PDB file of N, CA and C in Angstrom:
ATOM      1  N   UNK A   1      24.964  -0.858   8.598  1.00  0.00           N
ATOM      2  CA  UNK A   1      23.692  -0.632   8.085  1.00  0.00           C
ATOM      3  C   UNK A   1      22.666  -0.432   9.168  1.00  0.00           C
ATOM      4  N   UNK A   2      21.649   0.517   9.076  1.00  0.00           N
ATOM      5  CA  UNK A   2      20.798   0.933  10.028  1.00  0.00           C
ATOM      6  C   UNK A   2      19.741  -0.153  10.220  1.00  0.00           C
ATOM      7  N   UNK A   3      19.143  -0.183  11.380  1.00  0.00           N
ATOM      8  CA  UNK A   3      18.200  -1.169  11.792  1.00  0.00           C
ATOM      9  C   UNK A   3      16.834  -0.543  11.289  1.00  0.00           C
ATOM     10  N   UNK A   4      16.042  -1.308  10.735  1.00  0.00           N
ATOM     11  CA  UNK A   4      14.752  -0.948  10.208  1.00  0.00           C
ATOM     12  C   UNK A   4      13.768  -1.064  11.308  1.00  0.00           C
ATOM     13  N   UNK A   5      12.834  -0.143  11.487  1.00  0.00           N
ATOM     14  CA  UNK A   5      11.834  -0.134  12.483  1.00  0.00           C
ATOM     15  C   UNK A   5      10.401   0.250  11.848  1.00  0.00           C
ATOM     16  N   UNK A   6       9.329  -0.057  12.585  1.00  0.00           N
ATOM     17  CA  UNK A   6       7.972   0.442  12.139  1.00  0.00           C
ATOM     18  C   UNK A   6       7.967   2.023  12.037  1.00  0.00           C
ATOM     19  N   UNK A   7       7.367   2.555  11.173  1.00  0.00           N
ATOM     20  CA  UNK A   7       7.215   3.953  11.072  1.00  0.00           C
ATOM     21  C   UNK A   7       6.124   4.455  12.069  1.00  0.00           C
ATOM     22  N   UNK A   8       5.856   5.829  11.984  1.00  0.00           N
ATOM     23  CA  UNK A   8       4.844   6.429  12.713  1.00  0.00           C
ATOM     24  C   UNK A   8       3.485   5.752  12.518  1.00  0.00           C
ATOM     25  N   UNK A   9       3.242   5.495  11.291  1.00  0.00           N
ATOM     26  CA  UNK A   9       1.988   4.899  10.740  1.00  0.00           C
ATOM     27  C   UNK A   9       2.512   3.633  10.077  1.00  0.00           C
ATOM     28  N   UNK A  10       1.678   2.708  10.160  1.00  0.00           N
ATOM     29  CA  UNK A  10       1.873   1.456   9.542  1.00  0.00           C
ATOM     30  C   UNK A  10       1.353   1.459   7.984  1.00  0.00           C
ATOM     31  N   UNK A  11       2.234   1.699   7.163  1.00  0.00           N
ATOM     32  CA  UNK A  11       1.806   1.794   5.772  1.00  0.00           C
ATOM     33  C   UNK A  11       1.876   0.233   5.220  1.00  0.00           C
ATOM     34  N   UNK A  12       0.943   0.067   4.308  1.00  0.00           N
ATOM     35  CA  UNK A  12       0.868  -1.306   3.656  1.00  0.00           C
ATOM     36  C   UNK A  12       1.689  -1.143   2.421  1.00  0.00           C
ATOM     37  N   UNK A  13       2.396  -2.198   2.040  1.00  0.00           N
ATOM     38  CA  UNK A  13       3.170  -2.256   0.730  1.00  0.00           C
ATOM     39  C   UNK A  13       2.115  -2.272  -0.414  1.00  0.00           C
ATOM     40  N   UNK A  14       2.188  -1.193  -1.296  1.00  0.00           N
ATOM     41  CA  UNK A  14       1.307  -1.240  -2.372  1.00  0.00           C
ATOM     42  C   UNK A  14       1.494  -2.360  -3.371  1.00  0.00           C
ATOM     43  N   UNK A  15       2.648  -2.886  -3.571  1.00  0.00           N
ATOM     44  CA  UNK A  15       2.756  -3.891  -4.514  1.00  0.00           C
ATOM     45  C   UNK A  15       2.157  -5.197  -3.982  1.00  0.00           C
ATOM     46  N   UNK A  16       2.420  -5.545  -2.713  1.00  0.00           N
ATOM     47  CA  UNK A  16       1.843  -6.620  -2.112  1.00  0.00           C
ATOM     48  C   UNK A  16       0.294  -6.490  -1.932  1.00  0.00           C
ATOM     49  N   UNK A  17      -0.166  -5.227  -1.523  1.00  0.00           N
ATOM     50  CA  UNK A  17      -1.521  -5.007  -1.333  1.00  0.00           C
ATOM     51  C   UNK A  17      -2.377  -5.200  -2.668  1.00  0.00           C
ATOM     52  N   UNK A  18      -1.843  -4.994  -3.746  1.00  0.00           N
ATOM     53  CA  UNK A  18      -2.513  -5.140  -5.085  1.00  0.00           C
ATOM     54  C   UNK A  18      -2.612  -6.708  -5.257  1.00  0.00           C
ATOM     55  N   UNK A  19      -1.853  -7.428  -4.623  1.00  0.00           N
ATOM     56  CA  UNK A  19      -1.985  -8.933  -4.900  1.00  0.00           C
ATOM     57  C   UNK A  19      -2.705  -9.492  -3.698  1.00  0.00           C
ATOM     58  N   UNK A  20      -3.493  -8.616  -2.983  1.00  0.00           N
ATOM     59  CA  UNK A  20      -4.343  -9.108  -1.845  1.00  0.00           C
ATOM     60  C   UNK A  20      -3.410  -9.658  -0.681  1.00  0.00           C
ATOM     61  N   UNK A  21      -2.243  -9.114  -0.494  1.00  0.00           N
ATOM     62  CA  UNK A  21      -1.446  -9.505   0.716  1.00  0.00           C
ATOM     63  C   UNK A  21      -1.409  -8.294   1.543  1.00  0.00           C
ATOM     64  N   UNK A  22      -1.530  -8.476   2.790  1.00  0.00           N
ATOM     65  CA  UNK A  22      -1.559  -7.243   3.773  1.00  0.00           C
ATOM     66  C   UNK A  22      -0.204  -7.316   4.521  1.00  0.00           C
ATOM     67  N   UNK A  23       0.822  -6.602   4.009  1.00  0.00           N
ATOM     68  CA  UNK A  23       2.156  -6.687   4.585  1.00  0.00           C
ATOM     69  C   UNK A  23       2.553  -5.156   4.993  1.00  0.00           C
ATOM     70  N   UNK A  24       2.964  -5.148   6.245  1.00  0.00           N
ATOM     71  CA  UNK A  24       3.440  -3.836   6.718  1.00  0.00           C
ATOM     72  C   UNK A  24       4.837  -3.523   6.360  1.00  0.00           C
ATOM     73  N   UNK A  25       5.091  -2.156   5.947  1.00  0.00           N
ATOM     74  CA  UNK A  25       6.419  -1.665   5.500  1.00  0.00           C
ATOM     75  C   UNK A  25       7.269  -1.274   6.827  1.00  0.00           C
ATOM     76  N   UNK A  26       8.570  -1.411   6.616  1.00  0.00           N
ATOM     77  CA  UNK A  26       9.449  -0.898   7.752  1.00  0.00           C
ATOM     78  C   UNK A  26      10.077   0.354   7.252  1.00  0.00           C
ATOM     79  N   UNK A  27      10.502   1.212   8.170  1.00  0.00           N
ATOM     80  CA  UNK A  27      11.026   2.544   7.946  1.00  0.00           C
ATOM     81  C   UNK A  27      12.402   2.676   8.264  1.00  0.00           C
ATOM     82  N   UNK A  28      13.324   3.260   7.382  1.00  0.00           N
ATOM     83  CA  UNK A  28      14.696   3.466   7.684  1.00  0.00           C
ATOM     84  C   UNK A  28      14.809   4.977   8.009  1.00  0.00           C
ATOM     85  N   UNK A  29      15.049   5.383   9.288  1.00  0.00           N
ATOM     86  CA  UNK A  29      15.255   6.704   9.650  1.00  0.00           C
ATOM     87  C   UNK A  29      16.326   7.509   8.978  1.00  0.00           C
ATOM     88  N   UNK A  30      17.519   6.873   8.701  1.00  0.00           N
ATOM     89  CA  UNK A  30      18.472   7.576   8.066  1.00  0.00           C
ATOM     90  C   UNK A  30      18.223   8.025   6.718  1.00  0.00           C
ATOM     91  N   UNK A  31      17.645   7.138   5.875  1.00  0.00           N
ATOM     92  CA  UNK A  31      17.409   7.489   4.520  1.00  0.00           C
ATOM     93  C   UNK A  31      15.964   7.991   4.140  1.00  0.00           C
ATOM     94  N   UNK A  32      14.967   7.866   5.079  1.00  0.00           N
ATOM     95  CA  UNK A  32      13.643   8.132   4.876  1.00  0.00           C
ATOM     96  C   UNK A  32      12.901   7.313   3.886  1.00  0.00           C
ATOM     97  N   UNK A  33      13.306   6.093   3.803  1.00  0.00           N
ATOM     98  CA  UNK A  33      12.792   5.097   2.742  1.00  0.00           C
ATOM     99  C   UNK A  33      11.977   3.982   3.477  1.00  0.00           C
ATOM    100  N   UNK A  34      10.800   3.751   2.930  1.00  0.00           N
ATOM    101  CA  UNK A  34      10.064   2.584   3.541  1.00  0.00           C
ATOM    102  C   UNK A  34      10.381   1.369   2.666  1.00  0.00           C
ATOM    103  N   UNK A  35      10.444   0.175   3.351  1.00  0.00           N
ATOM    104  CA  UNK A  35      10.788  -0.976   2.450  1.00  0.00           C
ATOM    105  C   UNK A  35       9.973  -2.181   2.891  1.00  0.00           C
ATOM    106  N   UNK A  36       9.613  -3.082   1.931  1.00  0.00           N
ATOM    107  CA  UNK A  36       8.754  -4.284   2.304  1.00  0.00           C
ATOM    108  C   UNK A  36       9.817  -5.499   2.455  1.00  0.00           C
ATOM    109  N   UNK A  37       9.587  -6.329   3.432  1.00  0.00           N
ATOM    110  CA  UNK A  37      10.419  -7.424   3.579  1.00  0.00           C
ATOM    111  C   UNK A  37      10.061  -8.547   2.705  1.00  0.00           C
ATOM    112  N   UNK A  38       8.912  -8.618   2.155  1.00  0.00           N
ATOM    113  CA  UNK A  38       8.456  -9.663   1.274  1.00  0.00           C
ATOM    114  C   UNK A  38       8.770  -9.502  -0.098  1.00  0.00           C
ATOM    115  N   UNK A  39       8.647  -8.421  -0.742  1.00  0.00           N
ATOM    116  CA  UNK A  39       8.854  -8.223  -2.116  1.00  0.00           C
ATOM    117  C   UNK A  39       9.967  -7.267  -2.519  1.00  0.00           C
ATOM    118  N   UNK A  40      10.618  -6.762  -1.571  1.00  0.00           N
ATOM    119  CA  UNK A  40      11.681  -5.760  -1.756  1.00  0.00           C
ATOM    120  C   UNK A  40      11.288  -4.493  -2.287  1.00  0.00           C
ATOM    121  N   UNK A  41      10.026  -4.043  -2.199  1.00  0.00           N
ATOM    122  CA  UNK A  41       9.481  -2.767  -2.725  1.00  0.00           C
ATOM    123  C   UNK A  41      10.236  -1.716  -1.806  1.00  0.00           C
ATOM    124  N   UNK A  42      10.684  -0.615  -2.338  1.00  0.00           N
ATOM    125  CA  UNK A  42      11.118   0.550  -1.633  1.00  0.00           C
ATOM    126  C   UNK A  42      10.694   1.785  -2.152  1.00  0.00           C
ATOM    127  N   UNK A  43      10.235   2.898  -1.124  1.00  0.00           N
ATOM    128  CA  UNK A  43       9.754   3.957  -1.678  1.00  0.00           C
ATOM    129  C   UNK A  43       9.584   4.973  -0.609  1.00  0.00           C
ATOM    130  N   UNK A  44       9.356   6.267  -0.954  1.00  0.00           N
ATOM    131  CA  UNK A  44       9.160   7.244  -0.008  1.00  0.00           C
ATOM    132  C   UNK A  44       7.760   7.269   0.447  1.00  0.00           C
ATOM    133  N   UNK A  45       7.430   8.040   1.389  1.00  0.00           N
ATOM    134  CA  UNK A  45       6.033   8.137   2.042  1.00  0.00           C
ATOM    135  C   UNK A  45       5.111   8.741   0.811  1.00  0.00           C
ATOM    136  N   UNK A  46       5.633   9.658   0.058  1.00  0.00           N
ATOM    137  CA  UNK A  46       4.751  10.189  -0.950  1.00  0.00           C
ATOM    138  C   UNK A  46       4.348   9.199  -2.067  1.00  0.00           C
ATOM    139  N   UNK A  47       5.372   8.429  -2.526  1.00  0.00           N
ATOM    140  CA  UNK A  47       5.338   7.375  -3.420  1.00  0.00           C
ATOM    141  C   UNK A  47       4.208   6.211  -2.980  1.00  0.00           C
ATOM    142  N   UNK A  48       4.365   5.881  -1.738  1.00  0.00           N
ATOM    143  CA  UNK A  48       3.446   4.875  -1.166  1.00  0.00           C
ATOM    144  C   UNK A  48       2.099   5.400  -1.194  1.00  0.00           C
ATOM    145  N   UNK A  49       1.829   6.610  -0.673  1.00  0.00           N
ATOM    146  CA  UNK A  49       0.545   7.156  -0.700  1.00  0.00           C
ATOM    147  C   UNK A  49      -0.043   7.274  -2.124  1.00  0.00           C
ATOM    148  N   UNK A  50       0.636   7.666  -3.022  1.00  0.00           N
ATOM    149  CA  UNK A  50       0.188   7.699  -4.412  1.00  0.00           C
ATOM    150  C   UNK A  50      -0.260   6.259  -4.908  1.00  0.00           C
ATOM    151  N   UNK A  51       0.642   5.319  -4.662  1.00  0.00           N
ATOM    152  CA  UNK A  51       0.155   3.858  -5.196  1.00  0.00           C
ATOM    153  C   UNK A  51      -0.933   3.303  -4.414  1.00  0.00           C
ATOM    154  N   UNK A  52      -1.093   3.642  -3.056  1.00  0.00           N
ATOM    155  CA  UNK A  52      -2.170   3.191  -2.266  1.00  0.00           C
ATOM    156  C   UNK A  52      -3.467   3.795  -2.863  1.00  0.00           C
ATOM    157  N   UNK A  53      -3.507   5.018  -3.357  1.00  0.00           N
ATOM    158  CA  UNK A  53      -4.766   5.613  -3.976  1.00  0.00           C
ATOM    159  C   UNK A  53      -5.118   4.731  -5.196  1.00  0.00           C
ATOM    160  N   UNK A  54      -4.250   4.095  -5.896  1.00  0.00           N
ATOM    161  CA  UNK A  54      -4.679   3.209  -6.947  1.00  0.00           C
ATOM    162  C   UNK A  54      -5.351   1.863  -6.466  1.00  0.00           C
ATOM    163  N   UNK A  55      -4.908   1.496  -5.307  1.00  0.00           N
ATOM    164  CA  UNK A  55      -5.532   0.223  -4.577  1.00  0.00           C
ATOM    165  C   UNK A  55      -6.959   0.675  -4.063  1.00  0.00           C
ATOM    166  N   UNK A  56      -7.053   1.929  -3.646  1.00  0.00           N
ATOM    167  CA  UNK A  56      -8.437   2.304  -3.170  1.00  0.00           C
ATOM    168  C   UNK A  56      -9.306   2.403  -4.416  1.00  0.00           C
ATOM    169  N   UNK A  57      -8.809   2.851  -5.499  1.00  0.00           N
ATOM    170  CA  UNK A  57      -9.673   2.927  -6.736  1.00  0.00           C
ATOM    171  C   UNK A  57     -10.232   1.461  -7.030  1.00  0.00           C
ATOM    172  N   UNK A  58      -9.315   0.450  -6.932  1.00  0.00           N
ATOM    173  CA  UNK A  58      -9.747  -0.891  -7.277  1.00  0.00           C
ATOM    174  C   UNK A  58     -10.842  -1.378  -6.419  1.00  0.00           C
ATOM    175  N   UNK A  59     -10.760  -1.148  -5.083  1.00  0.00           N
ATOM    176  CA  UNK A  59     -11.770  -1.523  -4.132  1.00  0.00           C
ATOM    177  C   UNK A  59     -12.777  -0.469  -3.824  1.00  0.00           C
ATOM    178  N   UNK A  60     -13.013   0.556  -4.608  1.00  0.00           N
ATOM    179  CA  UNK A  60     -13.761   1.618  -4.250  1.00  0.00           C
ATOM    180  C   UNK A  60     -15.261   1.321  -4.161  1.00  0.00           C
ATOM    181  N   UNK A  61     -15.742   0.328  -4.736  1.00  0.00           N
ATOM    182  CA  UNK A  61     -17.095  -0.063  -4.833  1.00  0.00           C
ATOM    183  C   UNK A  61     -17.469  -1.439  -4.138  1.00  0.00           C
ATOM    184  N   UNK A  62     -16.460  -1.812  -3.246  1.00  0.00           N
ATOM    185  CA  UNK A  62     -16.578  -3.083  -2.634  1.00  0.00           C
ATOM    186  C   UNK A  62     -17.814  -3.218  -1.795  1.00  0.00           C
ATOM    187  N   UNK A  63     -18.296  -2.020  -1.075  1.00  0.00           N
ATOM    188  CA  UNK A  63     -19.344  -2.200  -0.097  1.00  0.00           C
ATOM    189  C   UNK A  63     -20.583  -1.672  -0.703  1.00  0.00           C
ATOM    190  N   UNK A  64     -20.664  -1.515  -2.060  1.00  0.00           N
ATOM    191  CA  UNK A  64     -21.905  -1.047  -2.790  1.00  0.00           C
ATOM    192  C   UNK A  64     -22.644  -2.262  -3.314  1.00  0.00           C
ATOM    193  N   UNK A  65     -24.056  -2.173  -3.178  1.00  0.00           N
ATOM    194  CA  UNK A  65     -24.895  -3.279  -3.807  1.00  0.00           C
ATOM    195  C   UNK A  65     -25.347  -2.847  -5.119  1.00  0.00           C
ATOM    196  N   UNK A  66     -25.039  -3.439  -6.207  1.00  0.00           N
ATOM    197  CA  UNK A  66     -25.621  -3.054  -7.547  1.00  0.00           C
ATOM    198  C   UNK A  66     -26.842  -3.896  -7.730  1.00  0.00           C
ATOM    199  N   UNK A  67     -28.016  -3.343  -7.999  1.00  0.00           N
ATOM    200  CA  UNK A  67     -29.284  -4.060  -8.234  1.00  0.00           C
ATOM    201  C   UNK A  67     -29.731  -3.766  -9.630  1.00  0.00           C
ATOM    202  N   UNK A  68     -29.346  -2.687 -10.263  1.00  0.00           N
ATOM    203  CA  UNK A  68     -29.776  -2.341 -11.688  1.00  0.00           C
ATOM    204  C   UNK A  68     -28.644  -2.331 -12.604  1.00  0.00           C
ATOM    205  N   UNK A  69     -28.601  -3.062 -13.635  1.00  0.00           N
ATOM    206  CA  UNK A  69     -27.637  -2.949 -14.674  1.00  0.00           C
ATOM    207  C   UNK A  69     -28.213  -2.518 -15.911  1.00  0.00           C
ATOM    208  N   UNK A  70     -27.715  -1.353 -16.273  1.00  0.00           N
ATOM    209  CA  UNK A  70     -28.056  -0.638 -17.618  1.00  0.00           C
ATOM    210  C   UNK A  70     -27.000  -0.822 -18.640  1.00  0.00           C
ATOM    211  N   UNK A  71     -27.050  -1.897 -19.392  1.00  0.00           N
ATOM    212  CA  UNK A  71     -25.955  -2.065 -20.398  1.00  0.00           C
ATOM    213  C   UNK A  71     -26.653  -1.695 -21.776  1.00  0.00           C
ATOM    214  N   UNK A  72     -27.967  -1.447 -21.780  1.00  0.00           N
ATOM    215  CA  UNK A  72     -28.613  -1.116 -23.106  1.00  0.00           C
ATOM    216  C   UNK A  72     -28.431   0.214 -23.483  1.00  0.00           C
TER     217      UNK A  72
END
């Protein structure tokens, strides 16, 4: 079995990151698959980037201050 290493970029595990855990994924050069050592999530770079976009949607307004609420 191939030894897993850190990839070129440190991708965060989308499954763990949605639960507010910041876990780096490891890269297998032979298969081109990233894997998480905490939750056993596995995926390609494209799959990880798509799921991380969902995380960005969740935290998109984190730095905005809402002063007016128009619920009427």
